[in-house]
Amino acid sequence: MDQHNPGKQSRIFQLIQDDQYEYDMYLTYEDGKVKYNHIELRNIMEYLDFKNAKELRRKAEIKTKK
């Protein structure tokens, strides 16, 4: 899901699931002030995956224990 506001703050939301968890990723940026346009940013986020989900969970657990 995305909210493109030309020349203003825009957002892209991506939900990814693995066998155990759901991951919500939000990207908020100022349109026109970043290197990539909205379509390019959306395409980048759509192709992200979590082949290393176990490693990400381990890192999250370490951060919450501090």
PDB file of N, CA and C in Angstrom:
ATOM      1  N   MET A   1       0.862  -1.158   0.000  1.00  0.00           N
ATOM      2  CA  MET A   1       0.000   0.000   0.000  1.00  0.00           C
ATOM      3  C   MET A   1       0.916   1.230   0.000  1.00  0.00           C
ATOM      4  N   ASP A   2       0.534   2.220  -0.747  1.00  0.00           N
ATOM      5  CA  ASP A   2       1.355   3.419  -0.742  1.00  0.00           C
ATOM      6  C   ASP A   2       0.491   4.670  -0.862  1.00  0.00           C
ATOM      7  N   GLN A   3       1.069   5.761  -0.381  1.00  0.00           N
ATOM      8  CA  GLN A   3       0.416   7.062  -0.407  1.00  0.00           C
ATOM      9  C   GLN A   3       1.412   8.045  -1.015  1.00  0.00           C
ATOM     10  N   HIS A   4       1.220   8.367  -2.288  1.00  0.00           N
ATOM     11  CA  HIS A   4       2.143   9.271  -2.961  1.00  0.00           C
ATOM     12  C   HIS A   4       1.548  10.674  -2.983  1.00  0.00           C
ATOM     13  N   ASN A   5       2.274  11.607  -2.415  1.00  0.00           N
ATOM     14  CA  ASN A   5       1.875  13.008  -2.387  1.00  0.00           C
ATOM     15  C   ASN A   5       2.963  13.811  -3.088  1.00  0.00           C
ATOM     16  N   PRO A   6       2.797  14.107  -4.371  1.00  0.00           N
ATOM     17  CA  PRO A   6       3.848  14.806  -5.119  1.00  0.00           C
ATOM     18  C   PRO A   6       4.328  16.081  -4.417  1.00  0.00           C
ATOM     19  N   GLY A   7       5.646  16.155  -4.202  1.00  0.00           N
ATOM     20  CA  GLY A   7       6.250  17.322  -3.569  1.00  0.00           C
ATOM     21  C   GLY A   7       6.054  17.409  -2.070  1.00  0.00           C
ATOM     22  N   LYS A   8       5.456  16.386  -1.476  1.00  0.00           N
ATOM     23  CA  LYS A   8       5.181  16.390  -0.030  1.00  0.00           C
ATOM     24  C   LYS A   8       5.639  15.069   0.584  1.00  0.00           C
ATOM     25  N   GLN A   9       5.350  14.921   1.878  1.00  0.00           N
ATOM     26  CA  GLN A   9       5.677  13.683   2.567  1.00  0.00           C
ATOM     27  C   GLN A   9       4.833  12.543   1.994  1.00  0.00           C
ATOM     28  N   SER A  10       5.495  11.464   1.621  1.00  0.00           N
ATOM     29  CA  SER A  10       4.825  10.299   1.060  1.00  0.00           C
ATOM     30  C   SER A  10       5.194   9.076   1.882  1.00  0.00           C
ATOM     31  N   ARG A  11       4.368   8.019   1.765  1.00  0.00           N
ATOM     32  CA  ARG A  11       4.589   6.806   2.551  1.00  0.00           C
ATOM     33  C   ARG A  11       4.384   5.569   1.697  1.00  0.00           C
ATOM     34  N   ILE A  12       5.156   4.540   2.029  1.00  0.00           N
ATOM     35  CA  ILE A  12       4.980   3.227   1.428  1.00  0.00           C
ATOM     36  C   ILE A  12       4.959   2.223   2.579  1.00  0.00           C
ATOM     37  N   PHE A  13       4.006   1.320   2.535  1.00  0.00           N
ATOM     38  CA  PHE A  13       3.846   0.299   3.564  1.00  0.00           C
ATOM     39  C   PHE A  13       3.960  -1.067   2.907  1.00  0.00           C
ATOM     40  N   GLN A  14       4.722  -1.962   3.525  1.00  0.00           N
ATOM     41  CA  GLN A  14       4.877  -3.311   2.999  1.00  0.00           C
ATOM     42  C   GLN A  14       4.708  -4.309   4.142  1.00  0.00           C
ATOM     43  N   LEU A  15       3.922  -5.327   3.920  1.00  0.00           N
ATOM     44  CA  LEU A  15       3.739  -6.412   4.884  1.00  0.00           C
ATOM     45  C   LEU A  15       4.355  -7.665   4.295  1.00  0.00           C
ATOM     46  N   ILE A  16       5.247  -8.291   5.048  1.00  0.00           N
ATOM     47  CA  ILE A  16       5.874  -9.535   4.634  1.00  0.00           C
ATOM     48  C   ILE A  16       5.663 -10.557   5.735  1.00  0.00           C
ATOM     49  N   GLN A  17       5.338 -11.778   5.357  1.00  0.00           N
ATOM     50  CA  GLN A  17       5.121 -12.843   6.321  1.00  0.00           C
ATOM     51  C   GLN A  17       6.087 -13.980   6.053  1.00  0.00           C
ATOM     52  N   ASP A  18       6.540 -14.606   7.126  1.00  0.00           N
ATOM     53  CA  ASP A  18       7.272 -15.851   6.977  1.00  0.00           C
ATOM     54  C   ASP A  18       6.472 -16.927   7.691  1.00  0.00           C
ATOM     55  N   ASP A  19       7.076 -18.039   7.954  1.00  0.00           N
ATOM     56  CA  ASP A  19       6.343 -19.140   8.573  1.00  0.00           C
ATOM     57  C   ASP A  19       5.967 -18.881  10.027  1.00  0.00           C
ATOM     58  N   GLN A  20       6.512 -17.836  10.618  1.00  0.00           N
ATOM     59  CA  GLN A  20       6.288 -17.608  12.045  1.00  0.00           C
ATOM     60  C   GLN A  20       5.799 -16.194  12.378  1.00  0.00           C
ATOM     61  N   TYR A  21       6.202 -15.196  11.640  1.00  0.00           N
ATOM     62  CA  TYR A  21       5.908 -13.819  11.996  1.00  0.00           C
ATOM     63  C   TYR A  21       5.423 -13.005  10.804  1.00  0.00           C
ATOM     64  N   GLU A  22       4.916 -11.828  11.123  1.00  0.00           N
ATOM     65  CA  GLU A  22       4.604 -10.822  10.110  1.00  0.00           C
ATOM     66  C   GLU A  22       5.518  -9.638  10.351  1.00  0.00           C
ATOM     67  N   TYR A  23       6.001  -9.039   9.276  1.00  0.00           N
ATOM     68  CA  TYR A  23       6.890  -7.887   9.373  1.00  0.00           C
ATOM     69  C   TYR A  23       6.227  -6.716   8.670  1.00  0.00           C
ATOM     70  N   ASP A  24       6.094  -5.609   9.376  1.00  0.00           N
ATOM     71  CA  ASP A  24       5.546  -4.378   8.800  1.00  0.00           C
ATOM     72  C   ASP A  24       6.704  -3.429   8.544  1.00  0.00           C
ATOM     73  N   MET A  25       6.818  -2.980   7.311  1.00  0.00           N
ATOM     74  CA  MET A  25       7.870  -2.021   6.968  1.00  0.00           C
ATOM     75  C   MET A  25       7.209  -0.749   6.462  1.00  0.00           C
ATOM     76  N   TYR A  26       7.641   0.368   6.996  1.00  0.00           N
ATOM     77  CA  TYR A  26       7.125   1.672   6.595  1.00  0.00           C
ATOM     78  C   TYR A  26       8.277   2.514   6.074  1.00  0.00           C
ATOM     79  N   LEU A  27       8.054   3.166   4.970  1.00  0.00           N
ATOM     80  CA  LEU A  27       9.031   4.110   4.433  1.00  0.00           C
ATOM     81  C   LEU A  27       8.322   5.441   4.277  1.00  0.00           C
ATOM     82  N   THR A  28       8.802   6.443   4.975  1.00  0.00           N
ATOM     83  CA  THR A  28       8.258   7.792   4.870  1.00  0.00           C
ATOM     84  C   THR A  28       9.369   8.681   4.324  1.00  0.00           C
ATOM     85  N   TYR A  29       9.052   9.466   3.310  1.00  0.00           N
ATOM     86  CA  TYR A  29      10.068  10.295   2.680  1.00  0.00           C
ATOM     87  C   TYR A  29       9.433  11.548   2.095  1.00  0.00           C
ATOM     88  N   GLU A  30      10.270  12.541   1.824  1.00  0.00           N
ATOM     89  CA  GLU A  30       9.826  13.777   1.182  1.00  0.00           C
ATOM     90  C   GLU A  30       9.979  13.615  -0.327  1.00  0.00           C
ATOM     91  N   ASP A  31       8.883  13.571  -1.045  1.00  0.00           N
ATOM     92  CA  ASP A  31       8.926  13.397  -2.493  1.00  0.00           C
ATOM     93  C   ASP A  31       9.697  14.546  -3.141  1.00  0.00           C
ATOM     94  N   GLY A  32      10.590  14.199  -4.045  1.00  0.00           N
ATOM     95  CA  GLY A  32      11.400  15.200  -4.741  1.00  0.00           C
ATOM     96  C   GLY A  32      12.711  15.517  -4.044  1.00  0.00           C
ATOM     97  N   LYS A  33      12.885  15.051  -2.805  1.00  0.00           N
ATOM     98  CA  LYS A  33      14.124  15.327  -2.075  1.00  0.00           C
ATOM     99  C   LYS A  33      14.977  14.082  -1.894  1.00  0.00           C
ATOM    100  N   VAL A  34      14.583  12.989  -2.505  1.00  0.00           N
ATOM    101  CA  VAL A  34      15.345  11.747  -2.400  1.00  0.00           C
ATOM    102  C   VAL A  34      15.838  11.340  -3.787  1.00  0.00           C
ATOM    103  N   LYS A  35      16.816  10.455  -3.811  1.00  0.00           N
ATOM    104  CA  LYS A  35      17.442  10.037  -5.061  1.00  0.00           C
ATOM    105  C   LYS A  35      16.478   9.277  -5.977  1.00  0.00           C
ATOM    106  N   TYR A  36      15.557   8.515  -5.396  1.00  0.00           N
ATOM    107  CA  TYR A  36      14.655   7.673  -6.176  1.00  0.00           C
ATOM    108  C   TYR A  36      13.249   8.260  -6.206  1.00  0.00           C
ATOM    109  N   ASN A  37      12.520   7.990  -7.284  1.00  0.00           N
ATOM    110  CA  ASN A  37      11.135   8.453  -7.334  1.00  0.00           C
ATOM    111  C   ASN A  37      10.226   7.429  -6.639  1.00  0.00           C
ATOM    112  N   HIS A  38       8.974   7.752  -6.529  1.00  0.00           N
ATOM    113  CA  HIS A  38       8.039   6.922  -5.774  1.00  0.00           C
ATOM    114  C   HIS A  38       7.931   5.508  -6.349  1.00  0.00           C
ATOM    115  N   ILE A  39       7.845   5.388  -7.649  1.00  0.00           N
ATOM    116  CA  ILE A  39       7.720   4.073  -8.283  1.00  0.00           C
ATOM    117  C   ILE A  39       8.960   3.223  -8.016  1.00  0.00           C
ATOM    118  N   GLU A  40      10.138   3.835  -8.110  1.00  0.00           N
ATOM    119  CA  GLU A  40      11.376   3.094  -7.848  1.00  0.00           C
ATOM    120  C   GLU A  40      11.443   2.620  -6.402  1.00  0.00           C
ATOM    121  N   LEU A  41      11.074   3.486  -5.464  1.00  0.00           N
ATOM    122  CA  LEU A  41      11.076   3.092  -4.054  1.00  0.00           C
ATOM    123  C   LEU A  41      10.076   1.976  -3.798  1.00  0.00           C
ATOM    124  N   ARG A  42       8.906   2.068  -4.387  1.00  0.00           N
ATOM    125  CA  ARG A  42       7.894   1.025  -4.213  1.00  0.00           C
ATOM    126  C   ARG A  42       8.391  -0.303  -4.783  1.00  0.00           C
ATOM    127  N   ASN A  43       9.029  -0.250  -5.954  1.00  0.00           N
ATOM    128  CA  ASN A  43       9.564  -1.476  -6.551  1.00  0.00           C
ATOM    129  C   ASN A  43      10.662  -2.095  -5.690  1.00  0.00           C
ATOM    130  N   ILE A  44      11.515  -1.276  -5.112  1.00  0.00           N
ATOM    131  CA  ILE A  44      12.564  -1.778  -4.226  1.00  0.00           C
ATOM    132  C   ILE A  44      11.936  -2.508  -3.048  1.00  0.00           C
ATOM    133  N   MET A  45      10.942  -1.906  -2.430  1.00  0.00           N
ATOM    134  CA  MET A  45      10.311  -2.535  -1.264  1.00  0.00           C
ATOM    135  C   MET A  45       9.569  -3.813  -1.639  1.00  0.00           C
ATOM    136  N   GLU A  46       8.957  -3.859  -2.807  1.00  0.00           N
ATOM    137  CA  GLU A  46       8.224  -5.055  -3.219  1.00  0.00           C
ATOM    138  C   GLU A  46       9.144  -6.255  -3.401  1.00  0.00           C
ATOM    139  N   TYR A  47      10.401  -6.014  -3.737  1.00  0.00           N
ATOM    140  CA  TYR A  47      11.318  -7.110  -3.979  1.00  0.00           C
ATOM    141  C   TYR A  47      12.157  -7.486  -2.758  1.00  0.00           C
ATOM    142  N   LEU A  48      11.922  -6.851  -1.634  1.00  0.00           N
ATOM    143  CA  LEU A  48      12.613  -7.249  -0.409  1.00  0.00           C
ATOM    144  C   LEU A  48      12.048  -8.580   0.057  1.00  0.00           C
ATOM    145  N   ASP A  49      12.901  -9.423   0.572  1.00  0.00           N
ATOM    146  CA  ASP A  49      12.412 -10.662   1.150  1.00  0.00           C
ATOM    147  C   ASP A  49      13.173 -10.933   2.442  1.00  0.00           C
ATOM    148  N   PHE A  50      12.769 -11.968   3.120  1.00  0.00           N
ATOM    149  CA  PHE A  50      13.374 -12.280   4.411  1.00  0.00           C
ATOM    150  C   PHE A  50      13.904 -13.705   4.409  1.00  0.00           C
ATOM    151  N   LYS A  51      14.840 -13.965   3.522  1.00  0.00           N
ATOM    152  CA  LYS A  51      15.476 -15.280   3.515  1.00  0.00           C
ATOM    153  C   LYS A  51      16.268 -15.488   4.803  1.00  0.00           C
ATOM    154  N   ASN A  52      16.614 -14.399   5.447  1.00  0.00           N
ATOM    155  CA  ASN A  52      17.369 -14.461   6.692  1.00  0.00           C
ATOM    156  C   ASN A  52      16.476 -14.101   7.888  1.00  0.00           C
ATOM    157  N   ALA A  53      15.241 -14.551   7.900  1.00  0.00           N
ATOM    158  CA  ALA A  53      14.289 -14.188   8.953  1.00  0.00           C
ATOM    159  C   ALA A  53      14.782 -14.616  10.338  1.00  0.00           C
ATOM    160  N   LYS A  54      15.406 -15.789  10.431  1.00  0.00           N
ATOM    161  CA  LYS A  54      15.912 -16.254  11.738  1.00  0.00           C
ATOM    162  C   LYS A  54      16.942 -15.278  12.297  1.00  0.00           C
ATOM    163  N   GLU A  55      17.816 -14.786  11.433  1.00  0.00           N
ATOM    164  CA  GLU A  55      18.836 -13.828  11.868  1.00  0.00           C
ATOM    165  C   GLU A  55      18.196 -12.517  12.308  1.00  0.00           C
ATOM    166  N   LEU A  56      17.183 -12.057  11.584  1.00  0.00           N
ATOM    167  CA  LEU A  56      16.491 -10.826  11.972  1.00  0.00           C
ATOM    168  C   LEU A  56      15.794 -10.983  13.320  1.00  0.00           C
ATOM    169  N   ARG A  57      15.166 -12.135  13.551  1.00  0.00           N
ATOM    170  CA  ARG A  57      14.510 -12.376  14.847  1.00  0.00           C
ATOM    171  C   ARG A  57      15.533 -12.386  15.969  1.00  0.00           C
ATOM    172  N   ARG A  58      16.685 -13.021  15.733  1.00  0.00           N
ATOM    173  CA  ARG A  58      17.734 -13.088  16.756  1.00  0.00           C
ATOM    174  C   ARG A  58      18.217 -11.685  17.113  1.00  0.00           C
ATOM    175  N   LYS A  59      18.423 -10.833  16.101  1.00  0.00           N
ATOM    176  CA  LYS A  59      18.871  -9.468  16.353  1.00  0.00           C
ATOM    177  C   LYS A  59      17.815  -8.682  17.120  1.00  0.00           C
ATOM    178  N   ALA A  60      16.551  -8.900  16.800  1.00  0.00           N
ATOM    179  CA  ALA A  60      15.471  -8.200  17.509  1.00  0.00           C
ATOM    180  C   ALA A  60      15.426  -8.650  18.973  1.00  0.00           C
ATOM    181  N   GLU A  61      15.626  -9.920  19.212  1.00  0.00           N
ATOM    182  CA  GLU A  61      15.628 -10.447  20.592  1.00  0.00           C
ATOM    183  C   GLU A  61      16.769  -9.849  21.379  1.00  0.00           C
ATOM    184  N   ILE A  62      17.940  -9.727  20.768  1.00  0.00           N
ATOM    185  CA  ILE A  62      19.107  -9.150  21.453  1.00  0.00           C
ATOM    186  C   ILE A  62      18.813  -7.695  21.825  1.00  0.00           C
ATOM    187  N   LYS A  63      18.213  -6.916  20.913  1.00  0.00           N
ATOM    188  CA  LYS A  63      17.915  -5.513  21.188  1.00  0.00           C
ATOM    189  C   LYS A  63      16.916  -5.361  22.321  1.00  0.00           C
ATOM    190  N   THR A  64      15.927  -6.238  22.409  1.00  0.00           N
ATOM    191  CA  THR A  64      14.905  -6.096  23.448  1.00  0.00           C
ATOM    192  C   THR A  64      15.427  -6.528  24.814  1.00  0.00           C
ATOM    193  N   LYS A  65      16.480  -7.317  24.856  1.00  0.00           N
ATOM    194  CA  LYS A  65      17.051  -7.767  26.119  1.00  0.00           C
ATOM    195  C   LYS A  65      17.944  -6.724  26.762  1.00  0.00           C
ATOM    196  N   LYS A  66      18.389  -5.734  25.980  1.00  0.00           N
ATOM    197  CA  LYS A  66      19.298  -4.699  26.510  1.00  0.00           C
ATOM    198  C   LYS A  66      18.573  -3.764  27.434  1.00  0.00           C
TER     199      LYS A  66
END
